[in-house]
Amino acid sequence: MERSQFIIDRTLYSDDVTARAAHRYTSRFGVELRSQDENLFVLFWSLDGSGLPDDLRTAFSRDLLDERLRAVVRAETTGLQQELLRAALSQALPVGGHVPV
């Protein structure tokens, strides 16, 4: 069984970012995350015995960067998301304040 291992530096990518990127592959490959010291190991293996794609390293690196950017955007827009949610909920609440249950 062919396996591929990536060592992720936790100072560059959080565990959450790494898990989100790795999760993108769970429908096609076996995926395992292992923690050791400052590094997080991500292992991929074929579920059906076929080989892993040659561009797996490139694709996974791109997905790590993508998830890191998404995490930054989530962090920077949290206040805006909360305001939008509050505005939407205030529009959805009944005016009278009393709702029969």
C-alpha atoms as a PDB file:
ATOM      1  CA  MET A   1       0.000   0.000   0.000  1.00  0.00           C
ATOM      2  CA  GLU A   2       1.450   3.307  -1.089  1.00  0.00           C
ATOM      3  CA  ARG A   3       1.613   5.977   1.621  1.00  0.00           C
ATOM      4  CA  SER A   4       2.618   9.593   1.589  1.00  0.00           C
ATOM      5  CA  GLN A   5       3.574  11.596   4.676  1.00  0.00           C
ATOM      6  CA  PHE A   6       3.703  15.346   5.109  1.00  0.00           C
ATOM      7  CA  ILE A   7       5.270  17.104   8.073  1.00  0.00           C
ATOM      8  CA  ILE A   8       3.392  20.288   8.926  1.00  0.00           C
ATOM      9  CA  ASP A   9       5.119  23.024  10.914  1.00  0.00           C
ATOM     10  CA  ARG A  10       2.626  24.192  13.516  1.00  0.00           C
ATOM     11  CA  THR A  11       4.130  27.679  13.526  1.00  0.00           C
ATOM     12  CA  LEU A  12       2.909  28.055   9.936  1.00  0.00           C
ATOM     13  CA  TYR A  13      -0.364  26.118   9.976  1.00  0.00           C
ATOM     14  CA  SER A  14      -2.662  25.582  12.942  1.00  0.00           C
ATOM     15  CA  ASP A  15      -4.024  22.144  13.723  1.00  0.00           C
ATOM     16  CA  ASP A  16      -7.482  23.334  12.657  1.00  0.00           C
ATOM     17  CA  VAL A  17      -6.210  24.602   9.297  1.00  0.00           C
ATOM     18  CA  THR A  18      -4.332  21.341   8.711  1.00  0.00           C
ATOM     19  CA  ALA A  19      -7.341  19.211   9.660  1.00  0.00           C
ATOM     20  CA  ARG A  20      -9.613  21.193   7.338  1.00  0.00           C
ATOM     21  CA  ALA A  21      -7.175  20.812   4.442  1.00  0.00           C
ATOM     22  CA  ALA A  22      -6.696  17.089   5.099  1.00  0.00           C
ATOM     23  CA  HIS A  23     -10.441  16.523   5.376  1.00  0.00           C
ATOM     24  CA  ARG A  24     -10.845  17.529   1.731  1.00  0.00           C
ATOM     25  CA  TYR A  25      -9.183  14.208   0.802  1.00  0.00           C
ATOM     26  CA  THR A  26     -11.102  11.801   3.034  1.00  0.00           C
ATOM     27  CA  SER A  27     -13.504  10.744   0.276  1.00  0.00           C
ATOM     28  CA  ARG A  28     -10.621   9.636  -1.938  1.00  0.00           C
ATOM     29  CA  PHE A  29      -7.837   8.522   0.426  1.00  0.00           C
ATOM     30  CA  GLY A  30      -7.197   7.255   3.898  1.00  0.00           C
ATOM     31  CA  VAL A  31      -6.076  10.207   6.002  1.00  0.00           C
ATOM     32  CA  GLU A  32      -4.407  10.232   9.402  1.00  0.00           C
ATOM     33  CA  LEU A  33      -3.120  13.108  11.507  1.00  0.00           C
ATOM     34  CA  ARG A  34      -0.438  12.501  14.142  1.00  0.00           C
ATOM     35  CA  SER A  35       0.976  15.014  16.574  1.00  0.00           C
ATOM     36  CA  GLN A  36       4.626  14.999  17.629  1.00  0.00           C
ATOM     37  CA  ASP A  37       6.352  17.949  19.310  1.00  0.00           C
ATOM     38  CA  GLU A  38       6.112  21.063  17.121  1.00  0.00           C
ATOM     39  CA  ASN A  39       5.047  19.111  14.060  1.00  0.00           C
ATOM     40  CA  LEU A  40       1.859  17.590  12.827  1.00  0.00           C
ATOM     41  CA  PHE A  41       2.170  14.587  10.517  1.00  0.00           C
ATOM     42  CA  VAL A  42      -0.440  14.021   7.831  1.00  0.00           C
ATOM     43  CA  LEU A  43      -0.474  10.593   6.217  1.00  0.00           C
ATOM     44  CA  PHE A  44      -2.362   9.685   3.060  1.00  0.00           C
ATOM     45  CA  TRP A  45      -2.868   6.223   1.606  1.00  0.00           C
ATOM     46  CA  SER A  46      -4.907   4.730  -1.176  1.00  0.00           C
ATOM     47  CA  LEU A  47      -8.189   3.136  -0.127  1.00  0.00           C
ATOM     48  CA  ASP A  48      -8.495   0.931  -3.187  1.00  0.00           C
ATOM     49  CA  GLY A  49      -4.882  -0.162  -3.650  1.00  0.00           C
ATOM     50  CA  SER A  50      -4.186   2.180  -6.538  1.00  0.00           C
ATOM     51  CA  GLY A  51      -1.353   4.676  -6.359  1.00  0.00           C
ATOM     52  CA  LEU A  52      -1.547   8.174  -4.979  1.00  0.00           C
ATOM     53  CA  PRO A  53      -1.608  11.002  -7.526  1.00  0.00           C
ATOM     54  CA  ASP A  54       1.735  12.528  -8.474  1.00  0.00           C
ATOM     55  CA  ASP A  55       0.470  16.020  -7.699  1.00  0.00           C
ATOM     56  CA  LEU A  56      -0.717  15.213  -4.151  1.00  0.00           C
ATOM     57  CA  ARG A  57       2.041  17.315  -2.544  1.00  0.00           C
ATOM     58  CA  THR A  58       1.190  20.311  -4.728  1.00  0.00           C
ATOM     59  CA  ALA A  59      -2.553  19.935  -4.196  1.00  0.00           C
ATOM     60  CA  PHE A  60      -2.246  19.497  -0.428  1.00  0.00           C
ATOM     61  CA  SER A  61       0.107  22.494  -0.160  1.00  0.00           C
ATOM     62  CA  ARG A  62      -2.402  24.599  -2.100  1.00  0.00           C
ATOM     63  CA  ASP A  63      -5.230  23.424   0.162  1.00  0.00           C
ATOM     64  CA  LEU A  64      -3.191  24.273   3.274  1.00  0.00           C
ATOM     65  CA  LEU A  65      -2.686  27.803   1.978  1.00  0.00           C
ATOM     66  CA  ASP A  66      -6.353  28.072   1.030  1.00  0.00           C
ATOM     67  CA  GLU A  67      -7.518  26.984   4.492  1.00  0.00           C
ATOM     68  CA  ARG A  68      -5.038  29.345   6.142  1.00  0.00           C
ATOM     69  CA  LEU A  69      -6.435  32.258   4.122  1.00  0.00           C
ATOM     70  CA  ARG A  70      -9.995  31.213   4.963  1.00  0.00           C
ATOM     71  CA  ALA A  71      -9.086  31.189   8.673  1.00  0.00           C
ATOM     72  CA  VAL A  72      -7.663  34.715   8.390  1.00  0.00           C
ATOM     73  CA  VAL A  73     -10.791  35.953   6.612  1.00  0.00           C
ATOM     74  CA  ARG A  74     -13.020  34.266   9.248  1.00  0.00           C
ATOM     75  CA  ALA A  75     -11.057  35.939  12.043  1.00  0.00           C
ATOM     76  CA  GLU A  76     -11.126  39.353  10.378  1.00  0.00           C
ATOM     77  CA  THR A  77     -14.832  39.264   9.566  1.00  0.00           C
ATOM     78  CA  THR A  78     -16.179  37.745  12.787  1.00  0.00           C
ATOM     79  CA  GLY A  79     -17.631  41.075  13.948  1.00  0.00           C
ATOM     80  CA  LEU A  80     -19.292  41.658  10.603  1.00  0.00           C
ATOM     81  CA  GLN A  81     -20.764  38.156  10.576  1.00  0.00           C
ATOM     82  CA  GLN A  82     -22.190  38.684  14.055  1.00  0.00           C
ATOM     83  CA  GLU A  83     -23.732  42.021  13.069  1.00  0.00           C
ATOM     84  CA  LEU A  84     -25.306  40.496   9.969  1.00  0.00           C
ATOM     85  CA  LEU A  85     -26.706  37.633  12.026  1.00  0.00           C
ATOM     86  CA  ARG A  86     -28.119  40.044  14.625  1.00  0.00           C
ATOM     87  CA  ALA A  87     -29.737  42.138  11.883  1.00  0.00           C
ATOM     88  CA  ALA A  88     -31.246  39.070  10.239  1.00  0.00           C
ATOM     89  CA  LEU A  89     -32.585  37.742  13.536  1.00  0.00           C
ATOM     90  CA  SER A  90     -34.044  41.089  14.516  1.00  0.00           C
ATOM     91  CA  GLN A  91     -35.968  41.094  11.238  1.00  0.00           C
ATOM     92  CA  ALA A  92     -37.225  37.570  11.919  1.00  0.00           C
ATOM     93  CA  LEU A  93     -38.436  38.177  15.501  1.00  0.00           C
ATOM     94  CA  PRO A  94     -42.125  38.847  16.039  1.00  0.00           C
ATOM     95  CA  VAL A  95     -42.989  42.451  16.836  1.00  0.00           C
ATOM     96  CA  GLY A  96     -45.261  41.765  19.824  1.00  0.00           C
ATOM     97  CA  GLY A  97     -42.625  39.968  21.847  1.00  0.00           C
ATOM     98  CA  HIS A  98     -45.080  37.259  22.889  1.00  0.00           C
ATOM     99  CA  VAL A  99     -45.208  34.111  20.851  1.00  0.00           C
ATOM    100  CA  PRO A 100     -47.671  31.357  21.816  1.00  0.00           C
ATOM    101  CA  VAL A 101     -45.998  28.005  22.139  1.00  0.00           C
END
